[in-house]
Amino acid sequence: MSRHEHVFLDGPDGRIEVFIEPHANASGIALIAHPHPLFGGTADNKVVTSLAKAFRELGCITLRPSFRGVGGSEGEHDHGVAETEDLLAVHTYARGRFGNALPIYLAGFSFGAYVVTRLALRLTEIADPARRLVLVGTASGFIEGLRRYETVAVPADTIVIHGAKDETVPLSNVLAWAEPMDLPITVVAGADHFFHRRLHLIRDIIQRQWKT
């Protein structure tokens, strides 16, 4: 992981901790969301940092916020509703600091992917739509021990990556979500939810699909 900044922003229900990796010649801004806060998800999760590295290699400034109740972020877990507003506050900060000219990219892992789909809708509503989404291990449908995720539709060029042996979010859940949209899913053979021993494939897939 490259040198990063550790900042605190004012959010709707208190401060939001954000890890920022600047880029000297930035061509975009990537906001990356981490997995479920109540099950050990943090901004330092290996899938999240792999996503950040992939976006830095694509020339992006990256921002990895901690969801409410994680690390230095205040507030209580709200099943993705208030978390969407928190990410919107991070987006506002990014625009204020880095300007309006750079495209915004959104990425998320697991619960973070679910929240990112919600944020994408909000950004469209405020006329600053994300240029592209990258979703890994997307929380969708019924997940045992958690809840049912009614994951919203996403643009046709969204990059969706899922493990064939995902034990947390069954592949069938994501296929059922994607089918009405005719949305392609990249399935990684043998990969579990956390992509153990296959993290490098996430970066490879993003790089191969980025300009397609």
Protein backbone atom coordinates (compact mmCIF):
# COMPACT_ATOMS: atom_id res chain seq x y z
CA MET A 1 0.00 0.00 0.00
CA SER A 2 1.34 3.41 -0.93
CA ARG A 3 1.64 6.33 1.45
CA HIS A 4 -1.82 7.58 2.34
CA GLU A 5 -3.46 10.47 4.12
CA HIS A 6 -5.67 9.87 7.14
CA VAL A 7 -8.41 12.50 7.36
CA PHE A 8 -11.67 13.05 9.22
CA LEU A 9 -14.71 14.63 7.56
CA ASP A 10 -17.93 15.98 9.01
CA GLY A 11 -20.70 13.53 8.18
CA PRO A 12 -24.46 13.50 8.83
CA ASP A 13 -24.01 11.81 12.23
CA GLY A 14 -20.47 12.71 13.23
CA ARG A 15 -17.03 12.37 11.80
CA ILE A 16 -16.09 10.03 8.96
CA GLU A 17 -12.62 8.54 8.78
CA VAL A 18 -11.15 8.38 5.27
CA PHE A 19 -7.88 7.03 3.93
CA ILE A 20 -6.79 8.90 0.81
CA GLU A 21 -4.09 7.94 -1.67
CA PRO A 22 -3.31 10.98 -3.85
CA HIS A 23 -2.08 10.72 -7.42
CA ALA A 24 0.30 13.25 -8.98
CA ASN A 25 -1.32 13.11 -12.42
CA ALA A 26 -4.82 12.01 -11.56
CA SER A 27 -7.25 11.05 -14.30
CA GLY A 28 -10.10 10.19 -11.95
CA ILE A 29 -11.34 9.83 -8.39
CA ALA A 30 -12.24 6.40 -7.01
CA LEU A 31 -14.41 6.00 -3.91
CA ILE A 32 -14.08 2.47 -2.50
CA ALA A 33 -16.40 0.96 0.14
CA HIS A 34 -15.52 -1.86 2.53
CA PRO A 35 -17.47 -4.97 3.68
CA HIS A 36 -19.97 -5.30 6.52
CA PRO A 37 -19.00 -3.31 9.65
CA LEU A 38 -20.61 -5.79 12.07
CA PHE A 39 -18.63 -8.70 10.67
CA GLY A 40 -15.12 -7.29 10.75
CA GLY A 41 -15.22 -5.19 7.60
CA THR A 42 -12.70 -2.33 7.48
CA ALA A 43 -11.09 0.00 4.95
CA ASP A 44 -7.93 -2.13 5.23
CA ASN A 45 -9.66 -5.29 4.02
CA LYS A 46 -7.45 -6.98 1.42
CA VAL A 47 -10.07 -6.92 -1.31
CA VAL A 48 -10.59 -3.20 -0.67
CA THR A 49 -6.88 -2.42 -0.78
CA SER A 50 -6.58 -4.53 -3.94
CA LEU A 51 -9.32 -2.42 -5.51
CA ALA A 52 -7.52 0.74 -4.42
CA LYS A 53 -4.28 -0.47 -5.98
CA ALA A 54 -6.04 -1.29 -9.24
CA PHE A 55 -7.54 2.20 -9.41
CA ARG A 56 -4.22 3.87 -8.61
CA GLU A 57 -2.68 1.91 -11.48
CA LEU A 58 -5.45 3.37 -13.66
CA GLY A 59 -4.42 6.86 -12.57
CA CYS A 60 -7.01 7.57 -9.87
CA ILE A 61 -6.95 9.31 -6.53
CA THR A 62 -8.48 6.77 -4.13
CA LEU A 63 -10.62 7.35 -1.05
CA ARG A 64 -11.39 4.49 1.36
CA PRO A 65 -13.84 5.63 4.06
CA SER A 66 -14.59 3.70 7.22
CA PHE A 67 -18.29 3.03 7.60
CA ARG A 68 -20.01 4.39 10.71
CA GLY A 69 -18.92 2.59 13.87
CA VAL A 70 -15.65 1.38 12.28
CA GLY A 71 -12.24 2.80 13.18
CA GLY A 72 -12.53 6.54 13.76
CA SER A 73 -15.96 6.94 12.13
CA GLU A 74 -18.86 7.89 14.38
CA GLY A 75 -22.51 6.85 14.19
CA GLU A 76 -24.36 3.55 14.34
CA HIS A 77 -24.80 0.90 11.67
CA ASP A 78 -27.91 1.54 9.57
CA HIS A 79 -28.04 -1.38 7.10
CA GLY A 80 -26.84 0.77 4.21
CA VAL A 81 -29.31 3.67 4.46
CA ALA A 82 -27.31 6.21 6.50
CA GLU A 83 -24.12 4.70 5.09
CA THR A 84 -25.21 5.93 1.67
CA GLU A 85 -25.49 9.46 3.05
CA ASP A 86 -22.03 9.11 4.59
CA LEU A 87 -20.53 8.13 1.23
CA LEU A 88 -22.33 11.08 -0.35
CA ALA A 89 -20.53 13.31 2.19
CA VAL A 90 -17.21 11.76 1.15
CA HIS A 91 -18.09 12.42 -2.48
CA THR A 92 -18.84 16.07 -1.64
CA TYR A 93 -15.47 16.36 0.10
CA ALA A 94 -13.69 14.82 -2.88
CA ARG A 95 -15.34 17.23 -5.29
CA GLY A 96 -14.48 20.19 -3.06
CA ARG A 97 -10.84 19.17 -2.75
CA PHE A 98 -10.05 17.69 -6.16
CA GLY A 99 -12.48 19.62 -8.36
CA ASN A 100 -15.39 18.81 -10.65
CA ALA A 101 -13.44 17.98 -13.78
CA LEU A 102 -12.26 14.49 -12.85
CA PRO A 103 -14.64 11.56 -13.37
CA ILE A 104 -15.89 9.73 -10.31
CA TYR A 105 -15.58 5.95 -10.12
CA LEU A 106 -17.26 3.82 -7.46
CA ALA A 107 -16.12 0.44 -6.17
CA GLY A 108 -17.19 -1.76 -3.31
CA PHE A 109 -16.81 -5.18 -1.79
CA SER A 110 -19.71 -7.19 -0.31
CA PHE A 111 -21.85 -4.84 1.83
CA GLY A 112 -19.77 -2.00 0.40
CA ALA A 113 -20.79 -3.00 -3.13
CA TYR A 114 -24.45 -2.86 -2.08
CA VAL A 115 -24.01 0.64 -0.61
CA VAL A 116 -22.14 1.80 -3.72
CA THR A 117 -25.11 0.85 -5.92
CA ARG A 118 -27.28 3.07 -3.73
CA LEU A 119 -24.76 5.91 -3.92
CA ALA A 120 -24.68 5.61 -7.72
CA LEU A 121 -28.42 6.38 -7.78
CA ARG A 122 -27.93 9.42 -5.55
CA LEU A 123 -25.14 10.78 -7.73
CA THR A 124 -27.35 10.45 -10.80
CA GLU A 125 -30.06 12.38 -8.97
CA ILE A 126 -27.66 15.26 -8.25
CA ALA A 127 -26.42 15.28 -11.86
CA ASP A 128 -22.92 14.00 -11.08
CA PRO A 129 -23.21 10.36 -12.13
CA ALA A 130 -20.32 7.96 -11.59
CA ARG A 131 -18.35 7.20 -14.74
CA ARG A 132 -18.16 3.49 -13.87
CA LEU A 133 -18.76 0.98 -11.07
CA VAL A 134 -16.72 -2.02 -9.96
CA LEU A 135 -18.49 -4.47 -7.63
CA VAL A 136 -16.87 -7.48 -5.94
CA GLY A 137 -18.77 -10.11 -3.92
CA THR A 138 -21.89 -7.98 -4.21
CA ALA A 139 -24.36 -8.39 -1.35
CA SER A 140 -27.66 -9.28 -3.00
CA GLY A 141 -30.69 -11.35 -2.08
CA PHE A 142 -31.03 -13.26 1.20
CA ILE A 143 -27.79 -13.77 3.09
CA GLU A 144 -28.00 -16.13 6.05
CA GLY A 145 -27.46 -14.39 9.38
CA LEU A 146 -27.69 -10.92 7.87
CA ARG A 147 -30.69 -9.69 5.87
CA ARG A 148 -32.21 -9.51 2.43
CA TYR A 149 -30.47 -7.03 0.16
CA GLU A 150 -32.63 -5.46 -2.52
CA THR A 151 -29.70 -4.41 -4.66
CA VAL A 152 -30.62 -1.79 -7.26
CA ALA A 153 -29.92 -1.92 -10.98
CA VAL A 154 -26.57 -0.66 -12.26
CA PRO A 155 -25.26 0.59 -15.64
CA ALA A 156 -24.50 -1.97 -18.34
CA ASP A 157 -20.74 -1.31 -18.23
CA THR A 158 -20.44 -2.12 -14.52
CA ILE A 159 -17.66 -4.60 -13.78
CA VAL A 160 -19.05 -7.31 -11.50
CA ILE A 161 -16.67 -9.92 -10.06
CA HIS A 162 -17.78 -12.88 -7.93
CA GLY A 163 -16.20 -16.01 -6.52
CA ALA A 164 -17.57 -19.35 -7.71
CA LYS A 165 -17.24 -20.70 -4.17
CA ASP A 166 -18.46 -17.61 -2.31
CA GLU A 167 -19.77 -18.96 1.00
CA THR A 168 -21.19 -15.60 2.17
CA VAL A 169 -23.07 -14.37 -0.90
CA PRO A 170 -24.04 -17.37 -3.04
CA LEU A 171 -23.24 -16.92 -6.72
CA SER A 172 -26.87 -17.76 -7.48
CA ASN A 173 -27.95 -14.59 -5.64
CA VAL A 174 -25.85 -12.37 -7.85
CA LEU A 175 -26.86 -14.16 -11.02
CA ALA A 176 -30.53 -13.69 -10.09
CA TRP A 177 -29.90 -9.96 -9.56
CA ALA A 178 -27.98 -9.57 -12.82
CA GLU A 179 -30.30 -11.60 -15.07
CA PRO A 180 -33.06 -8.99 -15.54
CA MET A 181 -30.39 -6.45 -16.56
CA ASP A 182 -28.56 -8.81 -18.96
CA LEU A 183 -25.52 -7.86 -16.90
CA PRO A 184 -22.39 -10.00 -17.39
CA ILE A 185 -20.71 -11.41 -14.29
CA THR A 186 -17.04 -12.40 -14.18
CA VAL A 187 -16.91 -15.58 -12.10
CA VAL A 188 -13.53 -16.52 -10.60
CA ALA A 189 -13.22 -20.31 -10.41
CA GLY A 190 -12.37 -21.56 -6.94
CA ALA A 191 -12.57 -18.14 -5.29
CA ASP A 192 -14.27 -17.75 -1.92
CA HIS A 193 -15.88 -14.54 -0.67
CA PHE A 194 -12.55 -12.99 0.33
CA PHE A 195 -10.64 -14.15 -2.76
CA HIS A 196 -7.96 -15.88 -0.72
CA ARG A 197 -4.95 -16.59 -2.94
CA ARG A 198 -6.78 -14.96 -5.84
CA LEU A 199 -6.64 -11.27 -4.97
CA HIS A 200 -4.36 -10.56 -7.93
CA LEU A 201 -7.13 -11.69 -10.26
CA ILE A 202 -9.32 -8.78 -9.19
CA ARG A 203 -6.77 -6.30 -10.50
CA ASP A 204 -6.22 -8.34 -13.66
CA ILE A 205 -9.94 -8.49 -14.43
CA ILE A 206 -10.43 -4.75 -13.92
CA GLN A 207 -7.48 -3.89 -16.15
CA ARG A 208 -8.65 -6.23 -18.93
CA GLN A 209 -12.25 -4.97 -18.86
CA TRP A 210 -11.59 -1.30 -18.25
CA LYS A 211 -11.68 -0.14 -21.87
CA THR A 212 -14.12 -2.70 -23.19
